[in-house]
């Protein structure tokens, strides 16, 4: 039986979307993967671009509010930013909470090479952590 994983950040626009994409891509056989934010906005176009560079399409993802998942059985919540960790609501049942913080890439409107490089750094950190989870099934 698949374990449900909710990846949480403030805007559900960059880090949590990239993490959802990685875990879905590599771990959909083990996990039901969801993502949400405490103050959702839109999926960042630079995040979409850097994920496409590694063959993962998040262009159809939608930014969601965590309230959409209240009342659902969630096995694991992984917060990827400090603000989301602090404002995560209580989920019923045996939800395990983990905090795996990643740097927040710049949210500039213009996609410059410098901005792309910052996003790539964050993407690569997320890729290593969430691919390991997908490969091993271990949250350690």
Protein backbone atom coordinates (compact mmCIF):
# COMPACT_ATOMS: atom_id res chain seq x y z
CA UNK A 1 0.00 0.00 0.00
CA UNK A 2 1.33 3.42 -0.96
CA UNK A 3 2.16 5.93 1.76
CA UNK A 4 0.79 9.44 1.29
CA UNK A 5 3.32 12.28 1.40
CA UNK A 6 2.28 15.94 1.58
CA UNK A 7 5.13 18.34 0.76
CA UNK A 8 4.51 21.73 2.29
CA UNK A 9 5.95 25.21 1.81
CA UNK A 10 4.54 28.70 2.08
CA UNK A 11 3.63 29.54 -1.52
CA UNK A 12 3.50 26.06 -3.06
CA UNK A 13 5.19 27.70 -6.02
CA UNK A 14 8.84 26.55 -6.11
CA UNK A 15 10.40 24.17 -3.61
CA UNK A 16 7.37 22.04 -2.81
CA UNK A 17 6.43 21.86 -6.50
CA UNK A 18 9.93 20.72 -7.48
CA UNK A 19 9.94 18.16 -4.65
CA UNK A 20 6.51 16.87 -5.69
CA UNK A 21 7.76 16.52 -9.27
CA UNK A 22 10.87 14.58 -8.23
CA UNK A 23 9.03 12.24 -5.86
CA UNK A 24 6.23 11.58 -8.36
CA UNK A 25 8.76 10.95 -11.13
CA UNK A 26 10.93 8.52 -9.16
CA UNK A 27 8.64 7.22 -6.42
CA UNK A 28 5.08 6.97 -7.74
CA UNK A 29 5.19 3.21 -7.16
CA UNK A 30 5.74 3.75 -3.40
CA UNK A 31 4.08 7.07 -2.62
CA UNK A 32 0.96 9.09 -3.26
CA UNK A 33 2.55 12.52 -3.62
CA UNK A 34 0.80 15.80 -2.82
CA UNK A 35 1.99 19.35 -2.26
CA UNK A 36 0.40 22.44 -0.77
CA UNK A 37 1.13 25.83 0.71
CA UNK A 38 -0.01 27.89 3.65
CA UNK A 39 -0.31 30.93 1.34
CA UNK A 40 -0.46 29.43 -2.17
CA UNK A 41 0.24 31.51 -5.25
CA UNK A 42 1.11 30.14 -8.71
CA UNK A 43 3.70 27.62 -9.84
CA UNK A 44 6.88 29.57 -10.56
CA UNK A 45 7.83 29.57 -14.25
CA UNK A 46 11.54 29.33 -13.43
CA UNK A 47 10.88 26.22 -11.35
CA UNK A 48 9.01 24.74 -14.33
CA UNK A 49 11.95 25.55 -16.62
CA UNK A 50 14.69 24.03 -14.43
CA UNK A 51 12.63 20.90 -13.85
CA UNK A 52 12.14 20.50 -17.62
CA UNK A 53 15.94 20.55 -17.92
CA UNK A 54 16.07 17.23 -16.03
CA UNK A 55 13.08 15.70 -17.81
CA UNK A 56 10.42 16.33 -15.15
CA UNK A 57 7.32 18.25 -16.24
CA UNK A 58 5.59 20.26 -13.51
CA UNK A 59 3.89 22.67 -15.94
CA UNK A 60 0.45 21.17 -15.22
CA UNK A 61 0.87 21.43 -11.44
CA UNK A 62 -1.38 23.84 -9.58
CA UNK A 63 -0.64 25.71 -6.38
CA UNK A 64 -2.93 24.39 -3.63
CA UNK A 65 -3.85 25.49 -0.11
CA UNK A 66 -3.18 23.01 2.68
CA UNK A 67 -6.86 23.22 3.68
CA UNK A 68 -7.67 21.14 0.56
CA UNK A 69 -6.13 18.16 2.34
CA UNK A 70 -7.57 18.61 5.85
CA UNK A 71 -9.57 15.55 6.79
CA UNK A 72 -7.54 13.28 4.51
CA UNK A 73 -5.28 10.57 5.89
CA UNK A 74 -1.74 11.83 5.34
CA UNK A 75 1.08 9.51 6.41
CA UNK A 76 3.95 12.01 6.12
CA UNK A 77 4.16 15.79 5.95
CA UNK A 78 7.50 17.17 4.81
CA UNK A 79 7.91 20.92 5.23
CA UNK A 80 10.57 22.36 2.95
CA UNK A 81 10.60 25.88 4.41
CA UNK A 82 10.62 27.25 7.95
CA UNK A 83 7.41 29.31 7.64
CA UNK A 84 5.37 26.30 6.56
CA UNK A 85 6.77 24.20 9.40
CA UNK A 86 5.51 26.74 11.93
CA UNK A 87 2.02 27.16 10.46
CA UNK A 88 1.20 23.56 9.51
CA UNK A 89 -2.18 22.52 10.93
CA UNK A 90 -2.70 19.33 12.90
CA UNK A 91 -3.73 16.35 10.81
CA UNK A 92 -5.69 13.53 12.46
CA UNK A 93 -4.24 10.07 12.81
CA UNK A 94 -0.64 9.00 12.74
CA UNK A 95 0.83 11.71 10.55
CA UNK A 96 4.61 11.90 10.81
CA UNK A 97 6.03 15.40 10.40
CA UNK A 98 9.48 16.00 8.96
CA UNK A 99 11.32 19.23 8.24
CA UNK A 100 13.72 19.24 5.29
CA UNK A 101 14.51 22.93 4.70
CA UNK A 102 15.86 24.12 1.36
CA UNK A 103 17.02 27.64 0.43
CA UNK A 104 14.40 29.87 -1.15
CA UNK A 105 15.45 30.75 -4.72
CA UNK A 106 14.97 34.34 -5.94
CA UNK A 107 11.47 35.05 -7.18
CA UNK A 108 12.49 37.62 -9.79
CA UNK A 109 10.08 38.04 -12.65
CA UNK A 110 12.85 38.08 -15.23
CA UNK A 111 14.54 34.75 -15.87
CA UNK A 112 18.24 35.58 -16.02
CA UNK A 113 21.14 33.14 -16.07
CA UNK A 114 21.92 34.07 -12.44
CA UNK A 115 18.34 33.31 -11.37
CA UNK A 116 18.37 30.04 -13.33
CA UNK A 117 21.60 29.03 -11.59
CA UNK A 118 20.11 29.69 -8.15
CA UNK A 119 17.05 27.61 -9.04
CA UNK A 120 19.28 24.83 -10.37
CA UNK A 121 21.18 24.72 -7.08
CA UNK A 122 17.95 24.37 -5.10
CA UNK A 123 16.56 21.87 -7.61
CA UNK A 124 19.68 19.73 -7.32
CA UNK A 125 19.48 19.71 -3.50
CA UNK A 126 15.82 18.69 -3.70
CA UNK A 127 16.61 16.08 -6.36
CA UNK A 128 19.22 14.37 -4.17
CA UNK A 129 17.01 14.27 -1.06
CA UNK A 130 13.74 13.22 -2.69
CA UNK A 131 15.31 10.77 -5.16
CA UNK A 132 16.95 9.05 -2.19
CA UNK A 133 13.51 8.81 -0.55
CA UNK A 134 12.06 7.38 -3.77
CA UNK A 135 14.90 4.89 -4.16
CA UNK A 136 15.04 3.67 -0.57
CA UNK A 137 11.60 4.40 0.85
CA UNK A 138 13.42 5.68 3.93
CA UNK A 139 12.73 9.07 5.47
CA UNK A 140 16.03 9.07 7.40
